[in-house]
Protein backbone atom coordinates (compact mmCIF):
# COMPACT_ATOMS: atom_id res chain seq x y z
CA UNK A 1 13.49 -2.60 2.91
CA UNK A 2 11.33 -3.98 5.72
CA UNK A 3 8.19 -5.75 4.45
CA UNK A 4 5.37 -6.81 6.76
CA UNK A 5 2.56 -9.21 5.83
CA UNK A 6 0.35 -11.66 7.66
CA UNK A 7 3.33 -14.02 7.55
CA UNK A 8 5.59 -11.66 9.51
CA UNK A 9 8.21 -9.00 8.89
CA UNK A 10 11.34 -9.55 6.84
CA UNK A 11 13.94 -7.68 4.77
CA UNK A 12 13.78 -7.65 0.98
CA UNK A 13 16.57 -6.00 -0.99
CA UNK A 14 15.12 -5.87 -4.52
CA UNK A 15 11.97 -4.36 -5.90
CA UNK A 16 11.53 -7.36 -8.19
CA UNK A 17 10.98 -9.53 -5.09
CA UNK A 18 8.62 -6.99 -3.52
CA UNK A 19 6.52 -6.81 -6.69
CA UNK A 20 6.39 -10.60 -6.87
CA UNK A 21 5.19 -10.71 -3.25
CA UNK A 22 2.53 -8.04 -3.92
CA UNK A 23 1.18 -9.85 -6.98
CA UNK A 24 1.19 -13.26 -5.30
CA UNK A 25 -0.76 -11.87 -2.37
CA UNK A 26 -3.22 -10.14 -4.70
CA UNK A 27 -3.86 -13.43 -6.49
CA UNK A 28 -5.01 -14.84 -3.15
CA UNK A 29 -7.57 -12.04 -2.63
CA UNK A 30 -7.21 -9.85 0.46
CA UNK A 31 -3.78 -8.67 1.52
CA UNK A 32 -2.23 -5.98 3.70
CA UNK A 33 1.42 -5.23 2.98
CA UNK A 34 3.53 -2.63 4.79
CA UNK A 35 6.82 -1.25 3.48
CA UNK A 36 9.34 0.79 5.48
CA UNK A 37 13.02 1.48 5.80
CA UNK A 38 15.08 0.72 8.91
CA UNK A 39 12.67 2.69 11.12
CA UNK A 40 8.87 2.48 11.35
CA UNK A 41 8.34 5.76 9.45
CA UNK A 42 7.95 6.68 6.73
CA UNK A 43 5.80 3.69 5.78
CA UNK A 44 3.58 2.69 2.89
CA UNK A 45 0.59 0.41 3.48
CA UNK A 46 -0.96 -1.41 0.56
CA UNK A 47 -4.45 -2.76 1.09
CA UNK A 48 -5.32 -5.20 -1.66
CA UNK A 49 -8.44 -7.01 -2.80
CA UNK A 50 -7.64 -8.85 -6.03
CA UNK A 51 -7.13 -6.25 -8.79
CA UNK A 52 -8.08 -3.34 -6.52
CA UNK A 53 -5.94 -1.48 -4.01
CA UNK A 54 -5.87 1.43 -1.62
CA UNK A 55 -2.49 2.84 -0.61
CA UNK A 56 -1.76 4.80 2.56
CA UNK A 57 1.42 6.77 3.24
CA UNK A 58 2.52 7.57 6.78
CA UNK A 59 5.29 10.15 7.04
CA UNK A 60 5.25 10.02 10.85
CA UNK A 61 3.14 8.35 13.51
CA UNK A 62 1.07 11.50 14.17
CA UNK A 63 0.92 13.52 10.97
CA UNK A 64 1.69 13.53 7.27
CA UNK A 65 -0.83 10.81 6.39
CA UNK A 66 -2.03 10.47 2.82
CA UNK A 67 -4.39 8.08 1.03
CA UNK A 68 -4.47 7.20 -2.65
CA UNK A 69 -6.74 9.34 -4.81
CA UNK A 70 -8.28 7.19 -7.51
CA UNK A 71 -11.09 7.49 -10.02
CA UNK A 72 -13.08 4.36 -9.24
CA UNK A 73 -16.85 4.38 -9.47
CA UNK A 74 -17.32 1.88 -6.63
CA UNK A 75 -16.25 1.26 -3.08
CA UNK A 76 -14.20 -1.85 -2.37
CA UNK A 77 -13.83 -3.86 0.81
CA UNK A 78 -10.25 -4.23 2.07
CA UNK A 79 -8.87 -5.73 5.25
CA UNK A 80 -6.80 -3.52 7.52
CA UNK A 81 -5.48 -5.08 10.68
CA UNK A 82 -7.65 -8.11 9.98
CA UNK A 83 -10.83 -6.01 9.99
CA UNK A 84 -12.95 -5.41 6.88
CA UNK A 85 -13.02 -1.78 5.80
CA UNK A 86 -15.20 -0.30 3.05
CA UNK A 87 -13.08 2.25 1.23
CA UNK A 88 -14.41 5.47 -0.22
CA UNK A 89 -14.78 5.28 -4.01
CA UNK A 90 -12.14 7.96 -4.54
CA UNK A 91 -9.48 5.94 -2.69
CA UNK A 92 -9.61 2.86 -4.94
CA UNK A 93 -6.81 2.38 -7.45
CA UNK A 94 -5.66 -0.52 -9.60
CA UNK A 95 -3.18 -3.11 -8.43
CA UNK A 96 -0.77 -1.88 -11.11
CA UNK A 97 -0.97 1.68 -9.70
CA UNK A 98 -0.27 0.30 -6.22
CA UNK A 99 2.77 -1.57 -7.53
CA UNK A 100 4.05 1.67 -9.14
CA UNK A 101 3.63 3.45 -5.79
CA UNK A 102 5.50 0.68 -4.00
CA UNK A 103 8.35 1.01 -6.51
CA UNK A 104 8.51 4.80 -5.99
CA UNK A 105 8.60 4.32 -2.23
CA UNK A 106 11.26 1.61 -2.54
CA UNK A 107 13.49 3.98 -4.48
CA UNK A 108 13.35 7.03 -2.19
CA UNK A 109 11.37 6.29 1.03
CA UNK A 110 9.16 9.30 0.41
CA UNK A 111 5.60 9.99 -0.74
CA UNK A 112 5.52 8.44 -4.22
CA UNK A 113 4.97 10.87 -7.06
CA UNK A 114 3.32 8.20 -9.20
CA UNK A 115 -0.21 9.40 -8.45
CA UNK A 116 -2.38 11.98 -6.70
CA UNK A 117 -2.93 11.80 -2.96
CA UNK A 118 -5.58 13.03 -0.54
CA UNK A 119 -5.43 13.68 3.15
CA UNK A 120 -6.67 10.81 5.11
CA UNK A 121 -6.54 7.39 6.49
């Protein structure tokens, strides 16, 4: 699987290593982590701010875009492309939920069934 972070893009062949990377980045605060197969799409983008996350799924570059549907009662600031973005309350999920989504995507390169999704991005 191709993994992109602020440090660059590299291949990781085990979910254990991907989860470790996600949790290490979360411990540092803001993080943006992209997962994809051998081609750019489908892709999963994890926006992280400590224990909070927002996950975006991109099936193609022009359509089939989904955003996590959470039950948070507050908006959270994330960084996307180096720019701060205030998420809607209903897009915020826990870091553990984001890790579960990453694992589902790792297994089948499709929209993870681990949670509910909404149209968006």
